[in-house]
Amino acid sequence: MPSVHELVSLVDLSVSPGPTLHPGHPFANVQAAHYWSASSFVGRGSSAWNVGFVMGISHDIKVTDSHNVWCVRGGNNAAAY
């Protein structure tokens, strides 16, 4: 999964309603929904960062909740975030 910084970088707040992605993005089947990030929410071990592609909001959410995932590949070190 992408880090919260990577997911937030895809948000275009000028596009409403969602999915709030920049025009011409290369992604297919993006839902106007919430997506998990690989970034844990510091200070709250039971939460992780989540990015909503409905209104472009990032927030913490309990890891027991059910949301979409966005698979990525590459050499990203999620621990760096």
N, C-alpha and C. Protein backbone atom coordinates (compact mmCIF):
# COMPACT_ATOMS: atom_id res chain seq x y z
N MET A 1 0.85 -1.18 0.00
CA MET A 1 0.00 0.00 0.00
C MET A 1 0.89 1.24 0.00
N PRO A 2 0.39 2.34 -0.52
CA PRO A 2 1.17 3.58 -0.51
C PRO A 2 1.17 4.23 0.87
N SER A 3 2.15 5.07 1.10
CA SER A 3 2.17 5.85 2.34
C SER A 3 1.07 6.90 2.27
N VAL A 4 0.74 7.50 3.40
CA VAL A 4 -0.28 8.55 3.41
C VAL A 4 0.17 9.72 2.54
N HIS A 5 1.48 10.01 2.53
CA HIS A 5 2.00 11.12 1.72
C HIS A 5 1.80 10.85 0.24
N GLU A 6 2.01 9.61 -0.17
CA GLU A 6 1.81 9.25 -1.58
C GLU A 6 0.34 9.36 -1.97
N LEU A 7 -0.56 8.86 -1.13
CA LEU A 7 -1.99 8.93 -1.44
C LEU A 7 -2.48 10.38 -1.49
N VAL A 8 -2.07 11.17 -0.52
CA VAL A 8 -2.51 12.57 -0.48
C VAL A 8 -2.00 13.34 -1.70
N SER A 9 -0.84 12.94 -2.23
CA SER A 9 -0.30 13.64 -3.40
C SER A 9 -1.18 13.45 -4.64
N LEU A 10 -2.08 12.48 -4.61
CA LEU A 10 -2.98 12.24 -5.74
C LEU A 10 -4.26 13.07 -5.66
N VAL A 11 -4.51 13.67 -4.52
CA VAL A 11 -5.75 14.41 -4.30
C VAL A 11 -5.73 15.74 -5.05
N ASP A 12 -6.80 16.01 -5.77
CA ASP A 12 -7.00 17.30 -6.43
C ASP A 12 -8.29 17.89 -5.87
N LEU A 13 -8.15 18.87 -4.98
CA LEU A 13 -9.32 19.45 -4.31
C LEU A 13 -10.20 20.27 -5.24
N SER A 14 -9.74 20.56 -6.47
CA SER A 14 -10.56 21.31 -7.41
C SER A 14 -11.57 20.42 -8.13
N VAL A 15 -11.45 19.11 -7.98
CA VAL A 15 -12.35 18.15 -8.61
C VAL A 15 -13.38 17.71 -7.58
N SER A 16 -14.65 18.00 -7.86
CA SER A 16 -15.69 17.64 -6.90
C SER A 16 -16.95 17.28 -7.66
N PRO A 17 -17.73 16.30 -7.33
CA PRO A 17 -17.41 15.32 -6.29
C PRO A 17 -16.36 14.35 -6.80
N GLY A 18 -15.87 13.52 -5.90
CA GLY A 18 -14.77 12.60 -6.17
C GLY A 18 -15.11 11.53 -7.20
N PRO A 19 -14.15 10.70 -7.61
CA PRO A 19 -12.84 10.66 -6.98
C PRO A 19 -12.03 11.91 -7.30
N THR A 20 -11.40 12.43 -6.29
CA THR A 20 -10.67 13.68 -6.41
C THR A 20 -9.25 13.43 -6.88
N LEU A 21 -9.10 13.08 -8.12
CA LEU A 21 -7.78 12.83 -8.71
C LEU A 21 -7.50 13.89 -9.77
N HIS A 22 -6.22 14.16 -10.00
CA HIS A 22 -5.83 15.13 -11.01
C HIS A 22 -6.29 14.66 -12.39
N PRO A 23 -6.75 15.59 -13.23
CA PRO A 23 -7.16 15.21 -14.59
C PRO A 23 -6.02 14.52 -15.32
N GLY A 24 -6.35 13.49 -16.07
CA GLY A 24 -5.36 12.76 -16.84
C GLY A 24 -4.57 11.74 -16.04
N HIS A 25 -5.02 11.45 -14.82
CA HIS A 25 -4.32 10.45 -14.01
C HIS A 25 -4.34 9.10 -14.72
N PRO A 26 -3.34 8.25 -14.46
CA PRO A 26 -3.24 6.97 -15.17
C PRO A 26 -3.97 5.80 -14.49
N PHE A 27 -4.74 6.06 -13.46
CA PHE A 27 -5.33 4.97 -12.67
C PHE A 27 -6.72 4.60 -13.18
N ALA A 28 -7.05 3.31 -13.08
CA ALA A 28 -8.35 2.82 -13.52
C ALA A 28 -9.14 2.33 -12.32
N ASN A 29 -10.45 2.42 -12.41
CA ASN A 29 -11.37 1.89 -11.41
C ASN A 29 -11.19 2.47 -10.02
N VAL A 30 -10.79 3.74 -9.93
CA VAL A 30 -10.67 4.39 -8.63
C VAL A 30 -12.08 4.74 -8.16
N GLN A 31 -12.39 4.33 -6.96
CA GLN A 31 -13.71 4.56 -6.39
C GLN A 31 -13.75 5.86 -5.60
N ALA A 32 -14.90 6.48 -5.55
CA ALA A 32 -15.12 7.64 -4.67
C ALA A 32 -15.33 7.06 -3.28
N ALA A 33 -14.22 6.69 -2.64
CA ALA A 33 -14.28 5.96 -1.37
C ALA A 33 -13.02 6.25 -0.56
N HIS A 34 -12.92 5.60 0.59
CA HIS A 34 -11.75 5.74 1.46
C HIS A 34 -10.77 4.62 1.16
N TYR A 35 -9.46 4.96 1.19
CA TYR A 35 -8.40 4.01 0.92
C TYR A 35 -7.40 4.00 2.08
N TRP A 36 -6.98 2.81 2.47
CA TRP A 36 -5.97 2.65 3.50
C TRP A 36 -4.62 3.14 2.99
N SER A 37 -3.80 3.62 3.91
CA SER A 37 -2.40 3.87 3.61
C SER A 37 -1.57 2.89 4.42
N ALA A 38 -0.29 2.83 4.13
CA ALA A 38 0.61 1.97 4.89
C ALA A 38 1.13 2.68 6.14
N SER A 39 0.70 3.91 6.36
CA SER A 39 1.21 4.72 7.47
C SER A 39 0.35 4.55 8.72
N SER A 40 1.00 4.16 9.80
CA SER A 40 0.26 4.05 11.06
C SER A 40 0.09 5.44 11.66
N PHE A 41 -0.91 5.59 12.49
CA PHE A 41 -1.20 6.87 13.14
C PHE A 41 -0.43 6.90 14.46
N VAL A 42 0.58 7.75 14.54
CA VAL A 42 1.46 7.81 15.70
C VAL A 42 0.66 8.14 16.96
N GLY A 43 0.91 7.39 18.01
CA GLY A 43 0.25 7.63 19.28
C GLY A 43 -1.04 6.85 19.46
N ARG A 44 -1.50 6.24 18.39
CA ARG A 44 -2.73 5.45 18.44
C ARG A 44 -2.49 4.15 17.69
N GLY A 45 -1.97 3.15 18.40
CA GLY A 45 -1.59 1.89 17.77
C GLY A 45 -2.71 1.16 17.07
N SER A 46 -3.94 1.48 17.39
CA SER A 46 -5.07 0.79 16.77
C SER A 46 -5.63 1.56 15.56
N SER A 47 -4.88 2.59 15.11
CA SER A 47 -5.34 3.40 13.98
C SER A 47 -4.26 3.53 12.91
N ALA A 48 -4.71 3.79 11.69
CA ALA A 48 -3.81 4.06 10.58
C ALA A 48 -4.38 5.22 9.77
N TRP A 49 -3.53 5.84 8.94
CA TRP A 49 -4.00 6.93 8.09
C TRP A 49 -4.82 6.38 6.93
N ASN A 50 -5.85 7.13 6.58
CA ASN A 50 -6.79 6.77 5.55
C ASN A 50 -7.02 8.02 4.71
N VAL A 51 -7.15 7.88 3.40
CA VAL A 51 -7.41 9.04 2.53
C VAL A 51 -8.74 8.80 1.82
N GLY A 52 -9.62 9.78 1.91
CA GLY A 52 -10.92 9.69 1.28
C GLY A 52 -10.93 10.36 -0.08
N PHE A 53 -11.26 9.60 -1.12
CA PHE A 53 -11.34 10.15 -2.46
C PHE A 53 -12.76 10.54 -2.80
N VAL A 54 -13.48 11.00 -1.81
CA VAL A 54 -14.79 11.59 -2.00
C VAL A 54 -14.63 13.11 -1.86
N MET A 55 -13.99 13.51 -0.75
CA MET A 55 -13.76 14.93 -0.48
C MET A 55 -12.28 15.26 -0.34
N GLY A 56 -11.40 14.28 -0.49
CA GLY A 56 -9.97 14.52 -0.42
C GLY A 56 -9.43 14.72 0.98
N ILE A 57 -10.06 14.11 1.95
CA ILE A 57 -9.67 14.28 3.34
C ILE A 57 -8.84 13.09 3.81
N SER A 58 -7.76 13.38 4.56
CA SER A 58 -6.99 12.31 5.19
C SER A 58 -7.24 12.36 6.69
N HIS A 59 -7.36 11.19 7.30
CA HIS A 59 -7.66 11.12 8.73
C HIS A 59 -7.27 9.75 9.26
N ASP A 60 -7.29 9.61 10.56
CA ASP A 60 -7.00 8.30 11.15
C ASP A 60 -8.29 7.51 11.27
N ILE A 61 -8.13 6.20 11.21
CA ILE A 61 -9.28 5.32 11.30
C ILE A 61 -8.83 4.01 11.94
N LYS A 62 -9.72 3.37 12.66
CA LYS A 62 -9.38 2.12 13.34
C LYS A 62 -9.00 1.03 12.34
N VAL A 63 -7.95 0.29 12.65
CA VAL A 63 -7.48 -0.74 11.73
C VAL A 63 -8.47 -1.90 11.60
N THR A 64 -9.47 -1.95 12.46
CA THR A 64 -10.48 -3.00 12.36
C THR A 64 -11.59 -2.63 11.37
N ASP A 65 -11.62 -1.37 10.90
CA ASP A 65 -12.62 -0.95 9.92
C ASP A 65 -12.28 -1.50 8.54
N SER A 66 -13.27 -1.58 7.69
CA SER A 66 -13.09 -2.12 6.35
C SER A 66 -13.13 -0.99 5.32
N HIS A 67 -12.04 -0.86 4.55
CA HIS A 67 -11.96 0.15 3.48
C HIS A 67 -11.18 -0.43 2.31
N ASN A 68 -11.14 0.32 1.22
CA ASN A 68 -10.43 -0.10 0.02
C ASN A 68 -8.92 -0.03 0.22
N VAL A 69 -8.20 -0.79 -0.58
CA VAL A 69 -6.74 -0.72 -0.61
C VAL A 69 -6.31 -0.38 -2.03
N TRP A 70 -5.17 0.27 -2.13
CA TRP A 70 -4.62 0.67 -3.42
C TRP A 70 -3.23 0.05 -3.48
N CYS A 71 -3.11 -1.01 -4.23
CA CYS A 71 -1.83 -1.72 -4.29
C CYS A 71 -0.83 -0.95 -5.14
N VAL A 72 0.40 -0.91 -4.65
CA VAL A 72 1.49 -0.27 -5.39
C VAL A 72 2.68 -1.21 -5.38
N ARG A 73 3.64 -0.92 -6.20
CA ARG A 73 4.87 -1.70 -6.19
C ARG A 73 6.04 -0.75 -6.28
N GLY A 74 7.19 -1.23 -5.90
CA GLY A 74 8.39 -0.39 -5.97
C GLY A 74 9.19 -0.51 -4.70
N GLY A 75 10.24 0.27 -4.60
CA GLY A 75 11.16 0.19 -3.50
C GLY A 75 10.88 1.17 -2.39
N ASN A 76 9.65 1.64 -2.24
CA ASN A 76 9.33 2.61 -1.20
C ASN A 76 9.52 2.00 0.18
N ASN A 77 10.09 2.76 1.08
CA ASN A 77 10.26 2.34 2.46
C ASN A 77 9.20 3.03 3.29
N ALA A 78 8.07 2.37 3.50
CA ALA A 78 6.95 2.97 4.24
C ALA A 78 7.36 3.36 5.64
N ALA A 79 8.37 2.72 6.19
CA ALA A 79 8.82 3.06 7.54
C ALA A 79 9.44 4.46 7.59
N ALA A 80 9.80 5.01 6.44
CA ALA A 80 10.40 6.34 6.40
C ALA A 80 9.38 7.43 6.69
N TYR A 81 8.11 7.08 6.66
CA TYR A 81 7.06 8.07 6.89
C TYR A 81 6.54 7.90 8.27
